Amino acid sequence: MLPQLRQLLAQAGENIRLARLCRKLSTTRVAERAAISRNTLHAIEQGMPTVSLGAYLQVLFVLGLEKTILHLAADDVLGRKLQDAELLVSTRAPK
């Protein structure tokens, strides 16, 4: 995995850990409510790339943050630019 991607996962894990601490929830309680092991929760909070997206989403749900997953790729600026550029390229009519 690229270092910048590892760093993003580590930051996401830290954000999840801080959200848990702000809510004064123990790792045991969050893991139980999310139906995952404490080891998996620890891996999530460490930003480990081997944890399934489903496990991340279960923890976000327990923390009341599940809707934040909808922000992923929501503002796809590059995709829109590529789409617009394709519209500008004129295609030749078939013979």
PDB file of N, CA and C in Angstrom:
ATOM      1  N   MET A   1       0.851  -1.174   0.000  1.00  0.00           N
ATOM      2  CA  MET A   1       0.000   0.000   0.000  1.00  0.00           C
ATOM      3  C   MET A   1       0.895   1.234   0.000  1.00  0.00           C
ATOM      4  N   LEU A   2       0.496   2.225  -0.770  1.00  0.00           N
ATOM      5  CA  LEU A   2       1.263   3.465  -0.853  1.00  0.00           C
ATOM      6  C   LEU A   2       1.280   4.183   0.496  1.00  0.00           C
ATOM      7  N   PRO A   3       2.406   4.825   0.820  1.00  0.00           N
ATOM      8  CA  PRO A   3       2.518   5.519   2.113  1.00  0.00           C
ATOM      9  C   PRO A   3       1.432   6.569   2.330  1.00  0.00           C
ATOM     10  N   GLN A   4       1.075   7.311   1.288  1.00  0.00           N
ATOM     11  CA  GLN A   4       0.046   8.344   1.477  1.00  0.00           C
ATOM     12  C   GLN A   4      -1.323   7.720   1.765  1.00  0.00           C
ATOM     13  N   LEU A   5      -1.575   6.524   1.236  1.00  0.00           N
ATOM     14  CA  LEU A   5      -2.837   5.847   1.538  1.00  0.00           C
ATOM     15  C   LEU A   5      -2.834   5.313   2.967  1.00  0.00           C
ATOM     16  N   ARG A   6      -1.696   4.791   3.401  1.00  0.00           N
ATOM     17  CA  ARG A   6      -1.567   4.348   4.800  1.00  0.00           C
ATOM     18  C   ARG A   6      -1.804   5.515   5.753  1.00  0.00           C
ATOM     19  N   GLN A   7      -1.274   6.676   5.378  1.00  0.00           N
ATOM     20  CA  GLN A   7      -1.436   7.869   6.213  1.00  0.00           C
ATOM     21  C   GLN A   7      -2.910   8.281   6.288  1.00  0.00           C
ATOM     22  N   LEU A   8      -3.625   8.196   5.171  1.00  0.00           N
ATOM     23  CA  LEU A   8      -5.052   8.524   5.173  1.00  0.00           C
ATOM     24  C   LEU A   8      -5.837   7.567   6.074  1.00  0.00           C
ATOM     25  N   LEU A   9      -5.526   6.280   5.977  1.00  0.00           N
ATOM     26  CA  LEU A   9      -6.199   5.306   6.840  1.00  0.00           C
ATOM     27  C   LEU A   9      -5.875   5.543   8.308  1.00  0.00           C
ATOM     28  N   ALA A  10      -4.625   5.874   8.588  1.00  0.00           N
ATOM     29  CA  ALA A  10      -4.227   6.157   9.971  1.00  0.00           C
ATOM     30  C   ALA A  10      -4.988   7.361  10.507  1.00  0.00           C
ATOM     31  N   GLN A  11      -5.170   8.380   9.684  1.00  0.00           N
ATOM     32  CA  GLN A  11      -5.920   9.569  10.114  1.00  0.00           C
ATOM     33  C   GLN A  11      -7.390   9.233  10.334  1.00  0.00           C
ATOM     34  N   ALA A  12      -7.957   8.427   9.439  1.00  0.00           N
ATOM     35  CA  ALA A  12      -9.352   8.005   9.612  1.00  0.00           C
ATOM     36  C   ALA A  12      -9.508   7.218  10.911  1.00  0.00           C
ATOM     37  N   GLY A  13      -8.569   6.327  11.183  1.00  0.00           N
ATOM     38  CA  GLY A  13      -8.613   5.555  12.424  1.00  0.00           C
ATOM     39  C   GLY A  13      -8.505   6.436  13.648  1.00  0.00           C
ATOM     40  N   GLU A  14      -7.632   7.417  13.578  1.00  0.00           N
ATOM     41  CA  GLU A  14      -7.479   8.358  14.700  1.00  0.00           C
ATOM     42  C   GLU A  14      -8.762   9.161  14.904  1.00  0.00           C
ATOM     43  N   ASN A  15      -9.398   9.572  13.815  1.00  0.00           N
ATOM     44  CA  ASN A  15     -10.664  10.307  13.919  1.00  0.00           C
ATOM     45  C   ASN A  15     -11.739   9.452  14.585  1.00  0.00           C
ATOM     46  N   ILE A  16     -11.774   8.173  14.229  1.00  0.00           N
ATOM     47  CA  ILE A  16     -12.738   7.255  14.839  1.00  0.00           C
ATOM     48  C   ILE A  16     -12.433   7.094  16.327  1.00  0.00           C
ATOM     49  N   ARG A  17     -11.170   6.953  16.672  1.00  0.00           N
ATOM     50  CA  ARG A  17     -10.777   6.827  18.079  1.00  0.00           C
ATOM     51  C   ARG A  17     -11.190   8.065  18.872  1.00  0.00           C
ATOM     52  N   LEU A  18     -10.931   9.251  18.308  1.00  0.00           N
ATOM     53  CA  LEU A  18     -11.301  10.492  18.991  1.00  0.00           C
ATOM     54  C   LEU A  18     -12.810  10.610  19.151  1.00  0.00           C
ATOM     55  N   ALA A  19     -13.563  10.186  18.137  1.00  0.00           N
ATOM     56  CA  ALA A  19     -15.027  10.217  18.232  1.00  0.00           C
ATOM     57  C   ALA A  19     -15.501   9.294  19.355  1.00  0.00           C
ATOM     58  N   ARG A  20     -14.872   8.128  19.477  1.00  0.00           N
ATOM     59  CA  ARG A  20     -15.222   7.194  20.555  1.00  0.00           C
ATOM     60  C   ARG A  20     -14.922   7.805  21.916  1.00  0.00           C
ATOM     61  N   LEU A  21     -13.747   8.420  22.034  1.00  0.00           N
ATOM     62  CA  LEU A  21     -13.355   9.022  23.312  1.00  0.00           C
ATOM     63  C   LEU A  21     -14.249  10.204  23.678  1.00  0.00           C
ATOM     64  N   CYS A  22     -14.631  11.014  22.704  1.00  0.00           N
ATOM     65  CA  CYS A  22     -15.537  12.147  22.974  1.00  0.00           C
ATOM     66  C   CYS A  22     -16.873  11.666  23.525  1.00  0.00           C
ATOM     67  N   ARG A  23     -17.279  10.480  23.094  1.00  0.00           N
ATOM     68  CA  ARG A  23     -18.543   9.914  23.559  1.00  0.00           C
ATOM     69  C   ARG A  23     -18.372   9.114  24.851  1.00  0.00           C
ATOM     70  N   LYS A  24     -17.123   9.075  25.342  1.00  0.00           N
ATOM     71  CA  LYS A  24     -16.796   8.360  26.573  1.00  0.00           C
ATOM     72  C   LYS A  24     -17.216   6.889  26.505  1.00  0.00           C
ATOM     73  N   LEU A  25     -16.963   6.276  25.354  1.00  0.00           N
ATOM     74  CA  LEU A  25     -17.274   4.865  25.158  1.00  0.00           C
ATOM     75  C   LEU A  25     -15.988   4.044  25.224  1.00  0.00           C
ATOM     76  N   SER A  26     -16.049   2.930  25.902  1.00  0.00           N
ATOM     77  CA  SER A  26     -14.879   2.049  25.986  1.00  0.00           C
ATOM     78  C   SER A  26     -14.760   1.228  24.706  1.00  0.00           C
ATOM     79  N   THR A  27     -13.571   0.691  24.496  1.00  0.00           N
ATOM     80  CA  THR A  27     -13.376  -0.171  23.328  1.00  0.00           C
ATOM     81  C   THR A  27     -14.252  -1.417  23.433  1.00  0.00           C
ATOM     82  N   THR A  28     -14.425  -1.912  24.641  1.00  0.00           N
ATOM     83  CA  THR A  28     -15.262  -3.098  24.843  1.00  0.00           C
ATOM     84  C   THR A  28     -16.699  -2.822  24.433  1.00  0.00           C
ATOM     85  N   ARG A  29     -17.233  -1.699  24.874  1.00  0.00           N
ATOM     86  CA  ARG A  29     -18.625  -1.364  24.564  1.00  0.00           C
ATOM     87  C   ARG A  29     -18.830  -1.151  23.068  1.00  0.00           C
ATOM     88  N   VAL A  30     -17.933  -0.411  22.425  1.00  0.00           N
ATOM     89  CA  VAL A  30     -18.074  -0.155  20.983  1.00  0.00           C
ATOM     90  C   VAL A  30     -17.951  -1.461  20.207  1.00  0.00           C
ATOM     91  N   ALA A  31     -16.986  -2.282  20.571  1.00  0.00           N
ATOM     92  CA  ALA A  31     -16.803  -3.558  19.882  1.00  0.00           C
ATOM     93  C   ALA A  31     -18.042  -4.441  20.029  1.00  0.00           C
ATOM     94  N   GLU A  32     -18.601  -4.500  21.223  1.00  0.00           N
ATOM     95  CA  GLU A  32     -19.813  -5.301  21.445  1.00  0.00           C
ATOM     96  C   GLU A  32     -20.970  -4.784  20.606  1.00  0.00           C
ATOM     97  N   ARG A  33     -21.189  -3.481  20.625  1.00  0.00           N
ATOM     98  CA  ARG A  33     -22.305  -2.902  19.873  1.00  0.00           C
ATOM     99  C   ARG A  33     -22.120  -3.047  18.368  1.00  0.00           C
ATOM    100  N   ALA A  34     -20.876  -3.038  17.917  1.00  0.00           N
ATOM    101  CA  ALA A  34     -20.589  -3.174  16.488  1.00  0.00           C
ATOM    102  C   ALA A  34     -20.474  -4.640  16.067  1.00  0.00           C
ATOM    103  N   ALA A  35     -20.567  -5.554  17.025  1.00  0.00           N
ATOM    104  CA  ALA A  35     -20.464  -6.994  16.764  1.00  0.00           C
ATOM    105  C   ALA A  35     -19.124  -7.363  16.124  1.00  0.00           C
ATOM    106  N   ILE A  36     -18.063  -6.747  16.635  1.00  0.00           N
ATOM    107  CA  ILE A  36     -16.703  -7.059  16.193  1.00  0.00           C
ATOM    108  C   ILE A  36     -15.855  -7.300  17.438  1.00  0.00           C
ATOM    109  N   SER A  37     -14.669  -7.833  17.248  1.00  0.00           N
ATOM    110  CA  SER A  37     -13.780  -8.051  18.392  1.00  0.00           C
ATOM    111  C   SER A  37     -13.070  -6.752  18.765  1.00  0.00           C
ATOM    112  N   ARG A  38     -12.554  -6.722  19.979  1.00  0.00           N
ATOM    113  CA  ARG A  38     -11.765  -5.555  20.394  1.00  0.00           C
ATOM    114  C   ARG A  38     -10.516  -5.431  19.532  1.00  0.00           C
ATOM    115  N   ASN A  39      -9.961  -6.559  19.110  1.00  0.00           N
ATOM    116  CA  ASN A  39      -8.792  -6.522  18.229  1.00  0.00           C
ATOM    117  C   ASN A  39      -9.120  -5.845  16.899  1.00  0.00           C
ATOM    118  N   THR A  40     -10.303  -6.132  16.361  1.00  0.00           N
ATOM    119  CA  THR A  40     -10.714  -5.491  15.109  1.00  0.00           C
ATOM    120  C   THR A  40     -10.909  -3.999  15.322  1.00  0.00           C
ATOM    121  N   LEU A  41     -11.524  -3.623  16.432  1.00  0.00           N
ATOM    122  CA  LEU A  41     -11.688  -2.198  16.729  1.00  0.00           C
ATOM    123  C   LEU A  41     -10.328  -1.526  16.859  1.00  0.00           C
ATOM    124  N   HIS A  42      -9.398  -2.185  17.521  1.00  0.00           N
ATOM    125  CA  HIS A  42      -8.048  -1.630  17.653  1.00  0.00           C
ATOM    126  C   HIS A  42      -7.420  -1.456  16.267  1.00  0.00           C
ATOM    127  N   ALA A  43      -7.601  -2.438  15.391  1.00  0.00           N
ATOM    128  CA  ALA A  43      -7.060  -2.347  14.030  1.00  0.00           C
ATOM    129  C   ALA A  43      -7.693  -1.185  13.268  1.00  0.00           C
ATOM    130  N   ILE A  44      -8.983  -0.965  13.470  1.00  0.00           N
ATOM    131  CA  ILE A  44      -9.668   0.166  12.827  1.00  0.00           C
ATOM    132  C   ILE A  44      -9.071   1.475  13.324  1.00  0.00           C
ATOM    133  N   GLU A  45      -8.911   1.591  14.624  1.00  0.00           N
ATOM    134  CA  GLU A  45      -8.376   2.829  15.196  1.00  0.00           C
ATOM    135  C   GLU A  45      -6.911   3.042  14.829  1.00  0.00           C
ATOM    136  N   GLN A  46      -6.221   1.983  14.439  1.00  0.00           N
ATOM    137  CA  GLN A  46      -4.837   2.104  13.970  1.00  0.00           C
ATOM    138  C   GLN A  46      -4.781   2.355  12.464  1.00  0.00           C
ATOM    139  N   GLY A  47      -5.934   2.268  11.792  1.00  0.00           N
ATOM    140  CA  GLY A  47      -5.972   2.488  10.350  1.00  0.00           C
ATOM    141  C   GLY A  47      -5.394   1.339   9.546  1.00  0.00           C
ATOM    142  N   MET A  48      -5.587   0.133  10.027  1.00  0.00           N
ATOM    143  CA  MET A  48      -5.062  -1.041   9.333  1.00  0.00           C
ATOM    144  C   MET A  48      -5.855  -1.292   8.047  1.00  0.00           C
ATOM    145  N   PRO A  49      -5.156  -1.523   6.932  1.00  0.00           N
ATOM    146  CA  PRO A  49      -5.839  -1.712   5.651  1.00  0.00           C
ATOM    147  C   PRO A  49      -6.503  -3.080   5.503  1.00  0.00           C
ATOM    148  N   THR A  50      -6.265  -3.991   6.430  1.00  0.00           N
ATOM    149  CA  THR A  50      -6.816  -5.341   6.316  1.00  0.00           C
ATOM    150  C   THR A  50      -8.237  -5.462   6.859  1.00  0.00           C
ATOM    151  N   VAL A  51      -8.741  -4.434   7.491  1.00  0.00           N
ATOM    152  CA  VAL A  51     -10.087  -4.467   8.077  1.00  0.00           C
ATOM    153  C   VAL A  51     -11.114  -4.165   6.987  1.00  0.00           C
ATOM    154  N   SER A  52     -12.212  -4.906   6.995  1.00  0.00           N
ATOM    155  CA  SER A  52     -13.236  -4.718   5.963  1.00  0.00           C
ATOM    156  C   SER A  52     -13.945  -3.373   6.119  1.00  0.00           C
ATOM    157  N   LEU A  53     -14.420  -2.881   5.012  1.00  0.00           N
ATOM    158  CA  LEU A  53     -15.179  -1.631   5.021  1.00  0.00           C
ATOM    159  C   LEU A  53     -16.444  -1.795   5.860  1.00  0.00           C
ATOM    160  N   GLY A  54     -17.002  -2.996   5.853  1.00  0.00           N
ATOM    161  CA  GLY A  54     -18.187  -3.269   6.661  1.00  0.00           C
ATOM    162  C   GLY A  54     -17.935  -3.070   8.145  1.00  0.00           C
ATOM    163  N   ALA A  55     -16.766  -3.485   8.609  1.00  0.00           N
ATOM    164  CA  ALA A  55     -16.427  -3.306  10.027  1.00  0.00           C
ATOM    165  C   ALA A  55     -16.286  -1.824  10.355  1.00  0.00           C
ATOM    166  N   TYR A  56     -15.647  -1.072   9.459  1.00  0.00           N
ATOM    167  CA  TYR A  56     -15.554   0.382   9.661  1.00  0.00           C
ATOM    168  C   TYR A  56     -16.957   0.979   9.760  1.00  0.00           C
ATOM    169  N   LEU A  57     -17.854   0.566   8.858  1.00  0.00           N
ATOM    170  CA  LEU A  57     -19.207   1.114   8.833  1.00  0.00           C
ATOM    171  C   LEU A  57     -19.981   0.748  10.097  1.00  0.00           C
ATOM    172  N   GLN A  58     -19.788  -0.462  10.618  1.00  0.00           N
ATOM    173  CA  GLN A  58     -20.457  -0.857  11.859  1.00  0.00           C
ATOM    174  C   GLN A  58     -20.025   0.041  13.015  1.00  0.00           C
ATOM    175  N   VAL A  59     -18.736   0.348  13.086  1.00  0.00           N
ATOM    176  CA  VAL A  59     -18.236   1.221  14.153  1.00  0.00           C
ATOM    177  C   VAL A  59     -18.780   2.631  13.968  1.00  0.00           C
ATOM    178  N   LEU A  60     -18.784   3.118  12.735  1.00  0.00           N
ATOM    179  CA  LEU A  60     -19.343   4.450  12.478  1.00  0.00           C
ATOM    180  C   LEU A  60     -20.809   4.506  12.899  1.00  0.00           C
ATOM    181  N   PHE A  61     -21.558   3.432  12.662  1.00  0.00           N
ATOM    182  CA  PHE A  61     -22.962   3.377  13.058  1.00  0.00           C
ATOM    183  C   PHE A  61     -23.105   3.477  14.573  1.00  0.00           C
ATOM    184  N   VAL A  62     -22.282   2.734  15.295  1.00  0.00           N
ATOM    185  CA  VAL A  62     -22.321   2.773  16.766  1.00  0.00           C
ATOM    186  C   VAL A  62     -22.042   4.186  17.265  1.00  0.00           C
ATOM    187  N   LEU A  63     -21.152   4.892  16.578  1.00  0.00           N
ATOM    188  CA  LEU A  63     -20.789   6.256  16.979  1.00  0.00           C
ATOM    189  C   LEU A  63     -21.770   7.306  16.446  1.00  0.00           C
ATOM    190  N   GLY A  64     -22.754   6.877  15.658  1.00  0.00           N
ATOM    191  CA  GLY A  64     -23.716   7.816  15.083  1.00  0.00           C
ATOM    192  C   GLY A  64     -23.151   8.590  13.906  1.00  0.00           C
ATOM    193  N   LEU A  65     -22.139   8.033  13.270  1.00  0.00           N
ATOM    194  CA  LEU A  65     -21.460   8.726  12.170  1.00  0.00           C
ATOM    195  C   LEU A  65     -21.589   7.989  10.841  1.00  0.00           C
ATOM    196  N   GLU A  66     -22.530   7.059  10.746  1.00  0.00           N
ATOM    197  CA  GLU A  66     -22.625   6.228   9.545  1.00  0.00           C
ATOM    198  C   GLU A  66     -22.872   7.023   8.262  1.00  0.00           C
ATOM    199  N   LYS A  67     -23.551   8.145   8.360  1.00  0.00           N
ATOM    200  CA  LYS A  67     -23.841   8.958   7.164  1.00  0.00           C
ATOM    201  C   LYS A  67     -22.585   9.598   6.580  1.00  0.00           C
ATOM    202  N   THR A  68     -21.512   9.675   7.372  1.00  0.00           N
ATOM    203  CA  THR A  68     -20.282  10.279   6.852  1.00  0.00           C
ATOM    204  C   THR A  68     -19.687   9.453   5.717  1.00  0.00           C
ATOM    205  N   ILE A  69     -20.058   8.193   5.627  1.00  0.00           N
ATOM    206  CA  ILE A  69     -19.557   7.341   4.546  1.00  0.00           C
ATOM    207  C   ILE A  69     -20.055   7.851   3.192  1.00  0.00           C
ATOM    208  N   LEU A  70     -21.155   8.575   3.192  1.00  0.00           N
ATOM    209  CA  LEU A  70     -21.716   9.100   1.945  1.00  0.00           C
ATOM    210  C   LEU A  70     -20.860  10.206   1.343  1.00  0.00           C
ATOM    211  N   HIS A  71     -19.938  10.743   2.110  1.00  0.00           N
ATOM    212  CA  HIS A  71     -19.061  11.794   1.596  1.00  0.00           C
ATOM    213  C   HIS A  71     -17.952  11.244   0.709  1.00  0.00           C
ATOM    214  N   LEU A  72     -17.744   9.922   0.751  1.00  0.00           N
ATOM    215  CA  LEU A  72     -16.712   9.313  -0.087  1.00  0.00           C
ATOM    216  C   LEU A  72     -17.059   9.513  -1.560  1.00  0.00           C
ATOM    217  N   ALA A  73     -16.179  10.132  -2.285  1.00  0.00           N
ATOM    218  CA  ALA A  73     -16.312  10.367  -3.726  1.00  0.00           C
ATOM    219  C   ALA A  73     -17.570  11.158  -4.093  1.00  0.00           C
ATOM    220  N   ALA A  74     -18.169  11.854  -3.137  1.00  0.00           N
ATOM    221  CA  ALA A  74     -19.378  12.626  -3.419  1.00  0.00           C
ATOM    222  C   ALA A  74     -19.085  13.821  -4.312  1.00  0.00           C
ATOM    223  N   ASP A  75     -17.957  14.454  -4.116  1.00  0.00           N
ATOM    224  CA  ASP A  75     -17.594  15.626  -4.913  1.00  0.00           C
ATOM    225  C   ASP A  75     -16.446  15.230  -5.839  1.00  0.00           C
ATOM    226  N   ASP A  76     -16.785  14.509  -6.895  1.00  0.00           N
ATOM    227  CA  ASP A  76     -15.792  13.969  -7.821  1.00  0.00           C
ATOM    228  C   ASP A  76     -15.454  15.001  -8.892  1.00  0.00           C
ATOM    229  N   VAL A  77     -14.608  15.941  -8.524  1.00  0.00           N
ATOM    230  CA  VAL A  77     -14.232  17.032  -9.424  1.00  0.00           C
ATOM    231  C   VAL A  77     -13.517  16.483 -10.654  1.00  0.00           C
ATOM    232  N   LEU A  78     -12.564  15.591 -10.454  1.00  0.00           N
ATOM    233  CA  LEU A  78     -11.819  15.024 -11.578  1.00  0.00           C
ATOM    234  C   LEU A  78     -12.749  14.276 -12.524  1.00  0.00           C
ATOM    235  N   GLY A  79     -13.651  13.486 -11.981  1.00  0.00           N
ATOM    236  CA  GLY A  79     -14.598  12.741 -12.809  1.00  0.00           C
ATOM    237  C   GLY A  79     -15.458  13.660 -13.656  1.00  0.00           C
ATOM    238  N   ARG A  80     -15.918  14.758 -13.056  1.00  0.00           N
ATOM    239  CA  ARG A  80     -16.731  15.712 -13.820  1.00  0.00           C
ATOM    240  C   ARG A  80     -15.923  16.390 -14.909  1.00  0.00           C
ATOM    241  N   LYS A  81     -14.666  16.726 -14.609  1.00  0.00           N
ATOM    242  CA  LYS A  81     -13.807  17.352 -15.618  1.00  0.00           C
ATOM    243  C   LYS A  81     -13.562  16.400 -16.778  1.00  0.00           C
ATOM    244  N   LEU A  82     -13.315  15.139 -16.474  1.00  0.00           N
ATOM    245  CA  LEU A  82     -13.107  14.152 -17.531  1.00  0.00           C
ATOM    246  C   LEU A  82     -14.367  13.975 -18.369  1.00  0.00           C
ATOM    247  N   GLN A  83     -15.496  13.968 -17.711  1.00  0.00           N
ATOM    248  CA  GLN A  83     -16.767  13.840 -18.416  1.00  0.00           C
ATOM    249  C   GLN A  83     -17.005  15.052 -19.309  1.00  0.00           C
ATOM    250  N   ASP A  84     -16.733  16.245 -18.806  1.00  0.00           N
ATOM    251  CA  ASP A  84     -16.898  17.463 -19.598  1.00  0.00           C
ATOM    252  C   ASP A  84     -15.940  17.477 -20.778  1.00  0.00           C
ATOM    253  N   ALA A  85     -14.707  17.045 -20.568  1.00  0.00           N
ATOM    254  CA  ALA A  85     -13.723  17.019 -21.650  1.00  0.00           C
ATOM    255  C   ALA A  85     -14.160  16.063 -22.746  1.00  0.00           C
ATOM    256  N   GLU A  86     -14.767  14.957 -22.368  1.00  0.00           N
ATOM    257  CA  GLU A  86     -15.244  13.996 -23.359  1.00  0.00           C
ATOM    258  C   GLU A  86     -16.369  14.588 -24.187  1.00  0.00           C
ATOM    259  N   LEU A  87     -17.188  15.424 -23.578  1.00  0.00           N
ATOM    260  CA  LEU A  87     -18.279  16.061 -24.310  1.00  0.00           C
ATOM    261  C   LEU A  87     -17.760  17.071 -25.320  1.00  0.00           C
ATOM    262  N   LEU A  88     -16.608  17.669 -25.032  1.00  0.00           N
ATOM    263  CA  LEU A  88     -16.044  18.670 -25.928  1.00  0.00           C
ATOM    264  C   LEU A  88     -15.383  18.062 -27.156  1.00  0.00           C
ATOM    265  N   VAL A  89     -14.953  16.821 -27.053  1.00  0.00           N
ATOM    266  CA  VAL A  89     -14.291  16.169 -28.182  1.00  0.00           C
ATOM    267  C   VAL A  89     -15.351  15.807 -29.204  1.00  0.00           C
ATOM    268  N   SER A  90     -15.176  16.353 -30.392  1.00  0.00           N
ATOM    269  CA  SER A  90     -16.166  16.063 -31.429  1.00  0.00           C
ATOM    270  C   SER A  90     -15.864  14.702 -32.036  1.00  0.00           C
ATOM    271  N   THR A  91     -16.888  13.939 -32.218  1.00  0.00           N
ATOM    272  CA  THR A  91     -16.725  12.632 -32.841  1.00  0.00           C
ATOM    273  C   THR A  91     -17.205  12.710 -34.274  1.00  0.00           C
ATOM    274  N   ARG A  92     -16.510  11.992 -35.108  1.00  0.00           N
ATOM    275  CA  ARG A  92     -16.841  11.997 -36.520  1.00  0.00           C
ATOM    276  C   ARG A  92     -18.042  11.100 -36.768  1.00  0.00           C
ATOM    277  N   ALA A  93     -18.904  11.540 -37.621  1.00  0.00           N
ATOM    278  CA  ALA A  93     -20.069  10.734 -37.962  1.00  0.00           C
ATOM    279  C   ALA A  93     -19.619   9.492 -38.724  1.00  0.00           C
ATOM    280  N   PRO A  94     -20.261   8.376 -38.482  1.00  0.00           N
ATOM    281  CA  PRO A  94     -19.886   7.156 -39.212  1.00  0.00           C
ATOM    282  C   PRO A  94     -20.173   7.293 -40.702  1.00  0.00           C
ATOM    283  N   LYS A  95     -19.376   6.609 -41.513  1.00  0.00           N
ATOM    284  CA  LYS A  95     -19.548   6.672 -42.984  1.00  0.00           C
ATOM    285  C   LYS A  95     -20.658   5.771 -43.434  1.00  0.00           C
TER     286      LYS A  95
END
